[in-house]
N, C-alpha and C. Protein backbone atom coordinates (compact mmCIF):
# COMPACT_ATOMS: atom_id res chain seq x y z
N MET A 1 -80.60 25.77 -13.37
CA MET A 1 -79.23 26.19 -13.24
C MET A 1 -79.09 27.19 -12.09
N ALA A 2 -78.03 26.93 -11.35
CA ALA A 2 -77.79 27.83 -10.23
C ALA A 2 -77.20 29.12 -10.75
N ASN A 3 -77.18 30.10 -9.91
CA ASN A 3 -76.66 31.38 -10.29
C ASN A 3 -75.13 31.31 -10.37
N SER A 4 -74.61 30.95 -11.54
CA SER A 4 -73.18 30.77 -11.72
C SER A 4 -72.74 31.53 -12.94
N MET A 5 -71.49 31.97 -12.94
CA MET A 5 -71.02 32.69 -14.12
C MET A 5 -70.59 31.75 -15.23
N TYR A 6 -70.54 30.41 -14.96
CA TYR A 6 -70.19 29.41 -15.98
C TYR A 6 -71.40 28.57 -16.27
N ALA A 7 -71.61 28.28 -17.52
CA ALA A 7 -72.76 27.48 -17.92
C ALA A 7 -72.59 26.02 -17.52
N ASN A 8 -71.38 25.53 -17.48
CA ASN A 8 -71.16 24.14 -17.07
C ASN A 8 -69.82 23.99 -16.38
N ASP A 9 -69.59 22.80 -15.82
CA ASP A 9 -68.35 22.54 -15.07
C ASP A 9 -67.11 22.58 -15.98
N ALA A 10 -67.27 22.20 -17.23
CA ALA A 10 -66.13 22.19 -18.14
C ALA A 10 -65.58 23.59 -18.33
N GLN A 11 -66.49 24.55 -18.45
CA GLN A 11 -66.03 25.93 -18.59
C GLN A 11 -65.31 26.41 -17.34
N ALA A 12 -65.82 26.04 -16.20
CA ALA A 12 -65.21 26.48 -14.94
C ALA A 12 -63.80 25.91 -14.80
N SER A 13 -63.63 24.64 -15.16
CA SER A 13 -62.31 24.01 -15.05
C SER A 13 -61.33 24.59 -16.03
N SER A 14 -61.76 24.85 -17.24
CA SER A 14 -60.82 25.33 -18.25
C SER A 14 -60.45 26.78 -18.03
N SER A 15 -61.27 27.55 -17.38
CA SER A 15 -60.94 28.94 -17.18
C SER A 15 -60.11 29.17 -15.94
N GLY A 16 -59.99 28.17 -15.10
CA GLY A 16 -59.19 28.32 -13.90
C GLY A 16 -60.00 28.87 -12.75
N GLY A 17 -61.23 29.23 -12.94
CA GLY A 17 -62.06 29.79 -11.88
C GLY A 17 -62.89 28.71 -11.24
N GLY A 18 -62.95 28.66 -9.95
CA GLY A 18 -63.84 27.77 -9.24
C GLY A 18 -63.36 26.34 -9.18
N GLY A 19 -62.49 25.90 -10.05
CA GLY A 19 -62.07 24.51 -10.08
C GLY A 19 -60.80 24.24 -9.28
N GLY A 20 -60.14 25.23 -8.80
CA GLY A 20 -58.93 25.05 -8.01
C GLY A 20 -57.74 24.62 -8.84
N GLY A 21 -57.75 24.90 -10.13
CA GLY A 21 -56.67 24.48 -11.03
C GLY A 21 -55.34 25.06 -10.66
N GLY A 22 -55.28 26.28 -10.14
CA GLY A 22 -54.03 26.92 -9.76
C GLY A 22 -53.34 26.18 -8.63
N GLY A 23 -54.11 25.72 -7.68
CA GLY A 23 -53.54 24.98 -6.55
C GLY A 23 -52.98 23.64 -7.00
N THR A 24 -53.67 22.98 -7.90
CA THR A 24 -53.21 21.68 -8.40
C THR A 24 -51.93 21.85 -9.20
N ALA A 25 -51.87 22.86 -10.04
CA ALA A 25 -50.67 23.11 -10.84
C ALA A 25 -49.49 23.47 -9.93
N ALA A 26 -49.77 24.25 -8.91
CA ALA A 26 -48.71 24.64 -7.98
C ALA A 26 -48.19 23.43 -7.22
N ALA A 27 -49.11 22.57 -6.80
CA ALA A 27 -48.70 21.36 -6.08
C ALA A 27 -47.89 20.45 -7.00
N SER A 28 -48.33 20.34 -8.24
CA SER A 28 -47.61 19.53 -9.21
C SER A 28 -46.20 20.09 -9.46
N THR A 29 -46.11 21.39 -9.56
CA THR A 29 -44.81 22.04 -9.75
C THR A 29 -43.92 21.80 -8.54
N GLY A 30 -44.50 21.89 -7.35
CA GLY A 30 -43.74 21.66 -6.12
C GLY A 30 -43.23 20.24 -6.02
N ILE A 31 -44.08 19.28 -6.32
CA ILE A 31 -43.66 17.87 -6.28
C ILE A 31 -42.58 17.60 -7.30
N THR A 32 -42.76 18.13 -8.50
CA THR A 32 -41.74 17.95 -9.54
C THR A 32 -40.41 18.57 -9.10
N ALA A 33 -40.49 19.74 -8.47
CA ALA A 33 -39.26 20.42 -8.02
C ALA A 33 -38.55 19.59 -6.96
N ILE A 34 -39.31 19.05 -6.02
CA ILE A 34 -38.70 18.24 -4.96
C ILE A 34 -38.08 16.97 -5.53
N MET A 35 -38.79 16.33 -6.45
CA MET A 35 -38.25 15.12 -7.08
C MET A 35 -36.96 15.45 -7.85
N GLY A 36 -36.97 16.56 -8.56
CA GLY A 36 -35.77 16.97 -9.30
C GLY A 36 -34.63 17.29 -8.36
N PHE A 37 -34.94 17.93 -7.24
CA PHE A 37 -33.92 18.27 -6.25
C PHE A 37 -33.31 17.00 -5.67
N LYS A 38 -34.14 16.03 -5.33
CA LYS A 38 -33.65 14.77 -4.78
C LYS A 38 -32.78 14.04 -5.81
N ALA A 39 -33.19 14.06 -7.07
CA ALA A 39 -32.41 13.41 -8.14
C ALA A 39 -31.06 14.11 -8.29
N SER A 40 -31.06 15.42 -8.20
CA SER A 40 -29.80 16.16 -8.32
C SER A 40 -28.89 15.88 -7.14
N GLN A 41 -29.45 15.76 -5.95
CA GLN A 41 -28.65 15.43 -4.78
C GLN A 41 -28.00 14.05 -4.95
N ALA A 42 -28.78 13.11 -5.47
CA ALA A 42 -28.24 11.78 -5.73
C ALA A 42 -27.12 11.83 -6.78
N ALA A 43 -27.32 12.64 -7.82
CA ALA A 43 -26.30 12.78 -8.86
C ALA A 43 -25.04 13.40 -8.29
N ALA A 44 -25.18 14.36 -7.38
CA ALA A 44 -24.02 14.98 -6.75
C ALA A 44 -23.24 13.96 -5.92
N LYS A 45 -23.98 13.16 -5.17
CA LYS A 45 -23.35 12.12 -4.36
C LYS A 45 -22.64 11.11 -5.26
N ASN A 46 -23.29 10.75 -6.37
CA ASN A 46 -22.71 9.80 -7.32
C ASN A 46 -21.44 10.37 -7.94
N ALA A 47 -21.41 11.65 -8.24
CA ALA A 47 -20.21 12.28 -8.82
C ALA A 47 -19.05 12.19 -7.83
N LYS A 48 -19.34 12.42 -6.55
CA LYS A 48 -18.30 12.35 -5.54
C LYS A 48 -17.80 10.91 -5.37
N LEU A 49 -18.72 9.96 -5.36
CA LEU A 49 -18.33 8.56 -5.20
C LEU A 49 -17.51 8.06 -6.40
N THR A 50 -17.90 8.48 -7.59
CA THR A 50 -17.16 8.10 -8.80
C THR A 50 -15.75 8.68 -8.76
N ALA A 51 -15.62 9.91 -8.32
CA ALA A 51 -14.31 10.54 -8.22
C ALA A 51 -13.44 9.81 -7.19
N GLU A 52 -14.03 9.43 -6.07
CA GLU A 52 -13.28 8.70 -5.05
C GLU A 52 -12.83 7.35 -5.58
N TYR A 53 -13.70 6.69 -6.33
CA TYR A 53 -13.35 5.40 -6.94
C TYR A 53 -12.16 5.56 -7.90
N ASN A 54 -12.22 6.59 -8.73
CA ASN A 54 -11.13 6.85 -9.69
C ASN A 54 -9.83 7.20 -8.96
N ALA A 55 -9.94 7.93 -7.87
CA ALA A 55 -8.76 8.27 -7.07
C ALA A 55 -8.14 7.00 -6.47
N LYS A 56 -8.99 6.12 -5.96
CA LYS A 56 -8.48 4.86 -5.37
C LYS A 56 -7.77 4.02 -6.44
N ILE A 57 -8.29 4.03 -7.63
CA ILE A 57 -7.63 3.30 -8.74
C ILE A 57 -6.23 3.85 -8.95
N ARG A 58 -6.09 5.18 -8.99
CA ARG A 58 -4.78 5.80 -9.19
C ARG A 58 -3.83 5.45 -8.03
N GLU A 59 -4.35 5.44 -6.82
CA GLU A 59 -3.51 5.10 -5.67
C GLU A 59 -3.07 3.63 -5.74
N ASN A 60 -3.97 2.76 -6.18
CA ASN A 60 -3.58 1.35 -6.34
C ASN A 60 -2.55 1.19 -7.45
N GLU A 61 -2.69 1.97 -8.51
CA GLU A 61 -1.68 1.93 -9.58
C GLU A 61 -0.32 2.38 -9.05
N ARG A 62 -0.32 3.37 -8.15
CA ARG A 62 0.92 3.84 -7.54
C ARG A 62 1.58 2.71 -6.75
N ILE A 63 0.78 1.97 -6.00
CA ILE A 63 1.32 0.84 -5.22
C ILE A 63 1.89 -0.22 -6.15
N LEU A 64 1.21 -0.48 -7.25
CA LEU A 64 1.72 -1.46 -8.22
C LEU A 64 3.04 -0.99 -8.82
N LEU A 65 3.15 0.31 -9.07
CA LEU A 65 4.43 0.85 -9.57
C LEU A 65 5.56 0.67 -8.57
N GLN A 66 5.26 0.87 -7.29
CA GLN A 66 6.27 0.65 -6.26
C GLN A 66 6.75 -0.80 -6.26
N ARG A 67 5.79 -1.71 -6.35
CA ARG A 67 6.13 -3.14 -6.37
C ARG A 67 6.93 -3.50 -7.61
N GLN A 68 6.53 -2.94 -8.73
CA GLN A 68 7.22 -3.20 -9.99
C GLN A 68 8.67 -2.71 -9.91
N ALA A 69 8.89 -1.53 -9.36
CA ALA A 69 10.25 -0.99 -9.23
C ALA A 69 11.09 -1.87 -8.30
N ARG A 70 10.48 -2.30 -7.21
CA ARG A 70 11.21 -3.17 -6.27
C ARG A 70 11.60 -4.49 -6.96
N ASP A 71 10.66 -5.07 -7.71
CA ASP A 71 10.94 -6.33 -8.42
C ASP A 71 12.01 -6.13 -9.50
N GLU A 72 11.92 -4.99 -10.19
CA GLU A 72 12.91 -4.72 -11.25
C GLU A 72 14.31 -4.55 -10.66
N GLN A 73 14.40 -3.89 -9.51
CA GLN A 73 15.70 -3.75 -8.84
C GLN A 73 16.23 -5.11 -8.39
N GLU A 74 15.35 -5.94 -7.91
CA GLU A 74 15.76 -7.30 -7.47
C GLU A 74 16.29 -8.11 -8.65
N ARG A 75 15.59 -8.03 -9.79
CA ARG A 75 16.08 -8.74 -10.99
C ARG A 75 17.42 -8.19 -11.44
N LEU A 76 17.57 -6.88 -11.36
CA LEU A 76 18.83 -6.24 -11.73
C LEU A 76 19.97 -6.76 -10.85
N ARG A 77 19.76 -6.80 -9.57
CA ARG A 77 20.79 -7.26 -8.63
C ARG A 77 21.12 -8.75 -8.84
N GLU A 78 20.08 -9.55 -9.11
CA GLU A 78 20.33 -10.98 -9.38
C GLU A 78 21.17 -11.15 -10.65
N GLY A 79 20.83 -10.38 -11.67
CA GLY A 79 21.60 -10.43 -12.91
C GLY A 79 23.03 -9.98 -12.69
N SER A 80 23.19 -8.96 -11.85
CA SER A 80 24.53 -8.46 -11.55
C SER A 80 25.35 -9.51 -10.80
N GLU A 81 24.71 -10.19 -9.86
CA GLU A 81 25.42 -11.24 -9.12
C GLU A 81 25.87 -12.37 -10.05
N LYS A 82 25.04 -12.71 -11.01
CA LYS A 82 25.42 -13.75 -11.98
C LYS A 82 26.60 -13.27 -12.82
N LEU A 83 26.56 -12.00 -13.22
CA LEU A 83 27.65 -11.44 -14.02
C LEU A 83 28.95 -11.42 -13.21
N VAL A 84 28.90 -11.02 -11.96
CA VAL A 84 30.09 -11.01 -11.11
C VAL A 84 30.64 -12.42 -10.94
N SER A 85 29.74 -13.37 -10.73
CA SER A 85 30.19 -14.78 -10.61
C SER A 85 30.88 -15.25 -11.86
N ALA A 86 30.29 -14.91 -13.02
CA ALA A 86 30.90 -15.30 -14.30
C ALA A 86 32.25 -14.64 -14.47
N GLN A 87 32.37 -13.38 -14.06
CA GLN A 87 33.65 -12.68 -14.16
C GLN A 87 34.70 -13.33 -13.26
N ARG A 88 34.30 -13.73 -12.07
CA ARG A 88 35.24 -14.38 -11.16
C ARG A 88 35.70 -15.72 -11.71
N VAL A 89 34.76 -16.48 -12.28
CA VAL A 89 35.11 -17.78 -12.86
C VAL A 89 36.07 -17.58 -14.03
N ALA A 90 35.79 -16.62 -14.88
CA ALA A 90 36.66 -16.36 -16.03
C ALA A 90 38.05 -15.95 -15.56
N ALA A 91 38.11 -15.13 -14.52
CA ALA A 91 39.42 -14.71 -14.00
C ALA A 91 40.16 -15.90 -13.38
N ALA A 92 39.44 -16.75 -12.70
CA ALA A 92 40.07 -17.92 -12.07
C ALA A 92 40.60 -18.88 -13.13
N LYS A 93 39.86 -19.06 -14.22
CA LYS A 93 40.30 -19.95 -15.30
C LYS A 93 41.55 -19.40 -15.98
N SER A 94 41.65 -18.10 -16.03
CA SER A 94 42.80 -17.51 -16.71
C SER A 94 44.06 -17.57 -15.86
N GLY A 95 43.87 -17.90 -14.57
CA GLY A 95 45.03 -18.03 -13.69
C GLY A 95 45.47 -16.72 -13.08
N VAL A 96 44.73 -15.65 -13.36
CA VAL A 96 45.07 -14.36 -12.81
C VAL A 96 44.40 -14.24 -11.44
N VAL A 97 45.10 -13.75 -10.46
CA VAL A 97 44.57 -13.65 -9.11
C VAL A 97 43.62 -12.44 -9.03
N VAL A 98 42.42 -12.72 -8.49
CA VAL A 98 41.46 -11.62 -8.31
C VAL A 98 41.98 -10.75 -7.18
N GLY A 99 41.86 -9.48 -7.34
CA GLY A 99 42.38 -8.57 -6.35
C GLY A 99 43.51 -7.75 -6.90
N THR A 100 43.87 -8.04 -8.11
CA THR A 100 44.91 -7.27 -8.75
C THR A 100 44.33 -6.50 -9.90
N GLY A 101 44.73 -5.31 -10.08
CA GLY A 101 44.49 -4.47 -11.24
C GLY A 101 43.15 -4.58 -11.93
N SER A 102 43.18 -5.05 -13.18
CA SER A 102 42.04 -5.01 -14.07
C SER A 102 40.87 -5.87 -13.62
N ASN A 103 41.13 -7.03 -13.02
CA ASN A 103 40.02 -7.86 -12.55
C ASN A 103 39.21 -7.18 -11.45
N LEU A 104 39.90 -6.58 -10.53
CA LEU A 104 39.24 -5.87 -9.44
C LEU A 104 38.48 -4.66 -9.97
N LEU A 105 39.07 -3.98 -10.92
CA LEU A 105 38.40 -2.82 -11.52
C LEU A 105 37.14 -3.26 -12.29
N ALA A 106 37.21 -4.39 -12.96
CA ALA A 106 36.04 -4.89 -13.69
C ALA A 106 34.90 -5.22 -12.73
N LEU A 107 35.21 -5.84 -11.60
CA LEU A 107 34.18 -6.15 -10.60
C LEU A 107 33.60 -4.86 -10.00
N ARG A 108 34.47 -3.90 -9.71
CA ARG A 108 34.00 -2.62 -9.18
C ARG A 108 33.08 -1.94 -10.16
N ASP A 109 33.45 -1.94 -11.42
CA ASP A 109 32.62 -1.32 -12.46
C ASP A 109 31.26 -1.99 -12.54
N THR A 110 31.24 -3.31 -12.42
CA THR A 110 29.97 -4.04 -12.46
C THR A 110 29.08 -3.62 -11.29
N PHE A 111 29.65 -3.58 -10.09
CA PHE A 111 28.87 -3.16 -8.93
C PHE A 111 28.36 -1.72 -9.06
N MET A 112 29.23 -0.83 -9.53
CA MET A 112 28.85 0.58 -9.69
C MET A 112 27.75 0.75 -10.72
N LYS A 113 27.87 0.03 -11.83
CA LYS A 113 26.84 0.12 -12.88
C LYS A 113 25.51 -0.42 -12.34
N THR A 114 25.56 -1.47 -11.55
CA THR A 114 24.34 -2.03 -10.97
C THR A 114 23.67 -0.99 -10.08
N GLU A 115 24.44 -0.31 -9.25
CA GLU A 115 23.89 0.71 -8.36
C GLU A 115 23.33 1.90 -9.14
N GLU A 116 24.02 2.30 -10.20
CA GLU A 116 23.52 3.40 -11.05
C GLU A 116 22.19 3.02 -11.67
N ASP A 117 22.11 1.80 -12.16
CA ASP A 117 20.85 1.33 -12.77
C ASP A 117 19.73 1.26 -11.72
N ALA A 118 20.05 0.81 -10.51
CA ALA A 118 19.05 0.74 -9.46
C ALA A 118 18.55 2.13 -9.09
N ILE A 119 19.44 3.09 -9.03
CA ILE A 119 19.06 4.47 -8.74
C ILE A 119 18.15 5.00 -9.84
N ALA A 120 18.48 4.71 -11.09
CA ALA A 120 17.65 5.15 -12.22
C ALA A 120 16.26 4.53 -12.14
N ILE A 121 16.19 3.27 -11.76
CA ILE A 121 14.88 2.60 -11.61
C ILE A 121 14.07 3.28 -10.52
N ARG A 122 14.68 3.54 -9.37
CA ARG A 122 13.97 4.20 -8.26
C ARG A 122 13.51 5.60 -8.65
N TYR A 123 14.36 6.33 -9.36
CA TYR A 123 14.01 7.68 -9.76
C TYR A 123 12.81 7.67 -10.73
N ALA A 124 12.88 6.82 -11.74
CA ALA A 124 11.79 6.74 -12.71
C ALA A 124 10.50 6.31 -12.01
N SER A 125 10.60 5.38 -11.10
CA SER A 125 9.43 4.91 -10.37
C SER A 125 8.85 6.03 -9.52
N SER A 126 9.70 6.81 -8.87
CA SER A 126 9.20 7.88 -8.00
C SER A 126 8.45 8.94 -8.81
N ILE A 127 8.91 9.20 -10.03
CA ILE A 127 8.21 10.15 -10.90
C ILE A 127 6.83 9.60 -11.26
N GLN A 128 6.77 8.32 -11.64
CA GLN A 128 5.48 7.72 -11.99
C GLN A 128 4.55 7.66 -10.78
N GLU A 129 5.11 7.37 -9.61
CA GLU A 129 4.29 7.33 -8.39
C GLU A 129 3.71 8.70 -8.08
N GLN A 130 4.53 9.75 -8.24
CA GLN A 130 4.05 11.10 -7.97
C GLN A 130 2.95 11.48 -8.97
N THR A 131 3.09 11.04 -10.20
CA THR A 131 2.06 11.30 -11.20
C THR A 131 0.74 10.66 -10.77
N LYS A 132 0.78 9.43 -10.29
CA LYS A 132 -0.43 8.74 -9.84
C LYS A 132 -1.04 9.43 -8.61
N THR A 133 -0.18 9.89 -7.71
CA THR A 133 -0.67 10.62 -6.53
C THR A 133 -1.38 11.91 -6.98
N SER A 134 -0.79 12.61 -7.93
CA SER A 134 -1.40 13.84 -8.45
C SER A 134 -2.71 13.54 -9.16
N GLN A 135 -2.75 12.46 -9.92
CA GLN A 135 -3.99 12.09 -10.61
C GLN A 135 -5.09 11.76 -9.62
N ALA A 136 -4.74 11.10 -8.53
CA ALA A 136 -5.73 10.78 -7.50
C ALA A 136 -6.28 12.06 -6.87
N ALA A 137 -5.40 12.99 -6.55
CA ALA A 137 -5.83 14.27 -5.97
C ALA A 137 -6.71 15.05 -6.95
N MET A 138 -6.32 15.01 -8.23
CA MET A 138 -7.10 15.72 -9.25
C MET A 138 -8.48 15.08 -9.41
N ALA A 139 -8.57 13.77 -9.39
CA ALA A 139 -9.87 13.09 -9.51
C ALA A 139 -10.77 13.50 -8.36
N ARG A 140 -10.22 13.57 -7.15
CA ARG A 140 -11.04 13.99 -5.99
C ARG A 140 -11.49 15.44 -6.15
N ALA A 141 -10.60 16.31 -6.59
CA ALA A 141 -10.95 17.73 -6.76
C ALA A 141 -12.03 17.92 -7.82
N VAL A 142 -11.89 17.21 -8.93
CA VAL A 142 -12.88 17.31 -9.99
C VAL A 142 -14.24 16.79 -9.50
N GLY A 143 -14.23 15.68 -8.77
CA GLY A 143 -15.46 15.13 -8.23
C GLY A 143 -16.14 16.08 -7.27
N LYS A 144 -15.36 16.71 -6.41
CA LYS A 144 -15.90 17.66 -5.45
C LYS A 144 -16.50 18.86 -6.17
N THR A 145 -15.80 19.32 -7.21
CA THR A 145 -16.29 20.46 -7.99
C THR A 145 -17.58 20.12 -8.71
N ARG A 146 -17.62 18.94 -9.34
CA ARG A 146 -18.85 18.51 -10.05
C ARG A 146 -20.01 18.37 -9.07
N SER A 147 -19.73 17.77 -7.92
CA SER A 147 -20.77 17.59 -6.91
C SER A 147 -21.31 18.94 -6.46
N SER A 148 -20.43 19.87 -6.21
CA SER A 148 -20.83 21.20 -5.77
C SER A 148 -21.65 21.92 -6.85
N ALA A 149 -21.23 21.79 -8.09
CA ALA A 149 -21.96 22.42 -9.20
C ALA A 149 -23.37 21.82 -9.34
N ILE A 150 -23.47 20.52 -9.20
CA ILE A 150 -24.78 19.86 -9.31
C ILE A 150 -25.68 20.30 -8.16
N LYS A 151 -25.13 20.39 -6.96
CA LYS A 151 -25.93 20.84 -5.81
C LYS A 151 -26.38 22.27 -5.98
N THR A 152 -25.48 23.13 -6.45
CA THR A 152 -25.85 24.54 -6.67
C THR A 152 -26.98 24.65 -7.69
N GLN A 153 -26.88 23.89 -8.76
CA GLN A 153 -27.92 23.89 -9.78
C GLN A 153 -29.24 23.36 -9.21
N ALA A 154 -29.15 22.36 -8.36
CA ALA A 154 -30.35 21.79 -7.73
C ALA A 154 -31.08 22.84 -6.89
N TYR A 155 -30.31 23.61 -6.12
CA TYR A 155 -30.93 24.67 -5.30
C TYR A 155 -31.52 25.76 -6.18
N ALA A 156 -30.83 26.10 -7.26
CA ALA A 156 -31.36 27.11 -8.18
C ALA A 156 -32.66 26.64 -8.80
N ASN A 157 -32.70 25.37 -9.20
CA ASN A 157 -33.93 24.82 -9.78
C ASN A 157 -35.06 24.79 -8.77
N LEU A 158 -34.75 24.46 -7.52
CA LEU A 158 -35.75 24.41 -6.47
C LEU A 158 -36.33 25.80 -6.22
N ILE A 159 -35.48 26.80 -6.17
CA ILE A 159 -35.95 28.19 -5.96
C ILE A 159 -36.81 28.64 -7.14
N GLU A 160 -36.37 28.30 -8.36
CA GLU A 160 -37.13 28.68 -9.55
C GLU A 160 -38.50 28.02 -9.53
N SER A 161 -38.55 26.77 -9.18
CA SER A 161 -39.82 26.05 -9.14
C SER A 161 -40.72 26.60 -8.04
N GLY A 162 -40.12 26.98 -6.91
CA GLY A 162 -40.91 27.61 -5.85
C GLY A 162 -41.53 28.90 -6.30
N SER A 163 -40.77 29.65 -7.07
CA SER A 163 -41.28 30.90 -7.61
C SER A 163 -42.43 30.65 -8.58
N LYS A 164 -42.30 29.63 -9.43
CA LYS A 164 -43.37 29.30 -10.36
C LYS A 164 -44.62 28.85 -9.61
N ALA A 165 -44.44 28.05 -8.57
CA ALA A 165 -45.58 27.56 -7.79
C ALA A 165 -46.28 28.72 -7.11
N ALA A 166 -45.51 29.69 -6.61
CA ALA A 166 -46.11 30.85 -5.96
C ALA A 166 -46.89 31.69 -6.96
N THR A 167 -46.37 31.80 -8.17
CA THR A 167 -47.06 32.54 -9.22
C THR A 167 -48.36 31.84 -9.60
N LEU A 168 -48.33 30.52 -9.68
CA LEU A 168 -49.53 29.77 -10.03
C LEU A 168 -50.61 29.88 -8.95
N MET A 169 -50.19 29.97 -7.72
CA MET A 169 -51.16 30.06 -6.62
C MET A 169 -51.78 31.44 -6.53
N GLY A 170 -51.12 32.38 -7.15
CA GLY A 170 -51.68 33.70 -7.25
C GLY A 170 -51.29 34.56 -6.16
């Protein structure tokens, strides 16, 4: 036996002396920290991408609401035109000349009611569209916040692991 303070290699490895165990543990800690950091960076990117996807969905819903309001107004106007035509036919059958008194007032009322309804449709649609725009902005803000929080935690974990590795190296 050589002049050693350990009787065998097993004792040297388990005690941390002579076997270089501190360096291996530090390297392992460093590799684990880097892998965790990379995973956190990917998670942060994923949070941002998910938020952007959700925002795009809200914006597409807003576009669909615009189309729906336009179609609803078109149906309203078509229905109104049919009603006006029916009113004119009824007045013609009765022998009363259109352009006098109550018949003209009835047609005017029909047109006015149609415009009031169209305005109500546009107003309701604009409120829903603004809600979707706000939801899209909120989704982006939440995603940015989550991404930032994940990145901050990743840096904190990396610093903590660096500190542990430095302690292990002695």
